[in-house]
Amino acid sequence: MAKIDVFEKPYGDKSLPGPTFVKLLLSSYRSDSEGRVFLSPELASDKEVDESVKFLIDQLEKMRKKAKRILSKNKKG
């Protein structure tokens, strides 16, 4: 199953506090010999599809909050 995370990217003058921007990234995934990136394992039922999509949505929501915390911290910084 794919994993999503936040990448903090400092920009410009390193003396400025904190990162200037963040990026969302796939931190873990599987790919095949043709280079296709898969976000889920093989799914064979409606329930499996629903669970995989919910897992990805939950990860995205967590990373949304994490990214906003990072940006907010740097505005105060």
Protein backbone atom coordinates (compact mmCIF):
# COMPACT_ATOMS: atom_id res chain seq x y z
CA MET A 1 0.00 0.00 0.00
CA ALA A 2 1.28 3.46 -0.86
CA LYS A 3 2.24 5.86 1.94
CA ILE A 4 2.02 9.65 1.75
CA ASP A 5 4.16 12.17 3.62
CA VAL A 6 5.13 15.85 3.71
CA PHE A 7 8.51 17.11 2.50
CA GLU A 8 9.78 20.42 3.92
CA LYS A 9 11.79 22.42 1.38
CA PRO A 10 13.84 25.40 2.53
CA TYR A 11 13.97 28.13 -0.08
CA GLY A 12 16.58 30.77 -0.69
CA ASP A 13 18.41 32.33 2.26
CA LYS A 14 19.12 29.60 4.83
CA SER A 15 19.27 32.23 7.59
CA LEU A 16 15.49 32.68 7.31
CA PRO A 17 13.49 30.60 9.78
CA GLY A 18 12.06 27.31 8.59
CA PRO A 19 11.01 25.99 5.23
CA THR A 20 9.32 28.31 2.81
CA PHE A 21 7.15 25.58 1.29
CA VAL A 22 6.12 21.96 1.62
CA LYS A 23 5.40 19.20 -0.89
CA LEU A 24 3.22 16.11 -0.56
CA LEU A 25 4.98 12.96 -1.70
CA LEU A 26 4.58 9.23 -2.02
CA SER A 27 7.03 8.00 0.60
CA SER A 28 6.35 4.33 -0.11
CA TYR A 29 4.83 2.60 -3.11
CA ARG A 30 5.09 -0.42 -5.36
CA SER A 31 5.76 -0.36 -9.08
CA ASP A 32 5.89 -2.97 -11.80
CA SER A 33 8.50 -3.71 -14.46
CA GLU A 34 6.88 -1.13 -16.75
CA GLY A 35 7.26 1.64 -14.17
CA ARG A 36 3.59 1.93 -13.20
CA VAL A 37 3.16 3.16 -9.63
CA PHE A 38 0.44 1.40 -7.65
CA LEU A 39 -1.44 3.06 -4.81
CA SER A 40 -3.04 -0.18 -3.59
CA PRO A 41 -2.59 -3.92 -3.64
CA GLU A 42 -4.79 -6.01 -5.95
CA LEU A 43 -8.44 -5.35 -5.08
CA ALA A 44 -11.14 -7.97 -5.73
CA SER A 45 -14.27 -6.64 -4.03
CA ASP A 46 -16.21 -3.44 -3.45
CA LYS A 47 -15.20 -3.58 0.22
CA GLU A 48 -11.49 -3.78 -0.63
CA VAL A 49 -11.82 -0.82 -3.00
CA ASP A 50 -13.62 1.20 -0.32
CA GLU A 51 -11.01 0.33 2.32
CA SER A 52 -8.09 1.23 0.04
CA VAL A 53 -9.62 4.56 -0.96
CA LYS A 54 -10.45 5.36 2.68
CA PHE A 55 -6.86 4.55 3.69
CA LEU A 56 -5.49 6.96 1.06
CA ILE A 57 -7.99 9.70 1.97
CA ASP A 58 -7.14 9.33 5.67
CA GLN A 59 -3.42 9.66 4.88
CA LEU A 60 -4.04 12.74 2.74
CA GLU A 61 -6.08 14.36 5.52
CA LYS A 62 -3.30 13.69 8.04
CA MET A 63 -0.71 15.16 5.68
CA ARG A 64 -2.93 18.20 5.04
CA LYS A 65 -2.90 18.89 8.80
CA LYS A 66 0.85 18.23 9.06
CA ALA A 67 1.64 20.56 6.14
CA LYS A 68 -0.53 23.32 7.59
CA ARG A 69 1.14 22.94 11.01
CA ILE A 70 4.57 23.27 9.38
CA LEU A 71 3.55 26.36 7.41
CA SER A 72 1.82 27.92 10.42
CA LYS A 73 4.88 27.29 12.63
CA ASN A 74 7.08 29.04 10.09
CA LYS A 75 4.82 32.08 9.83
CA LYS A 76 5.11 32.54 13.62
CA GLY A 77 8.79 31.64 13.61
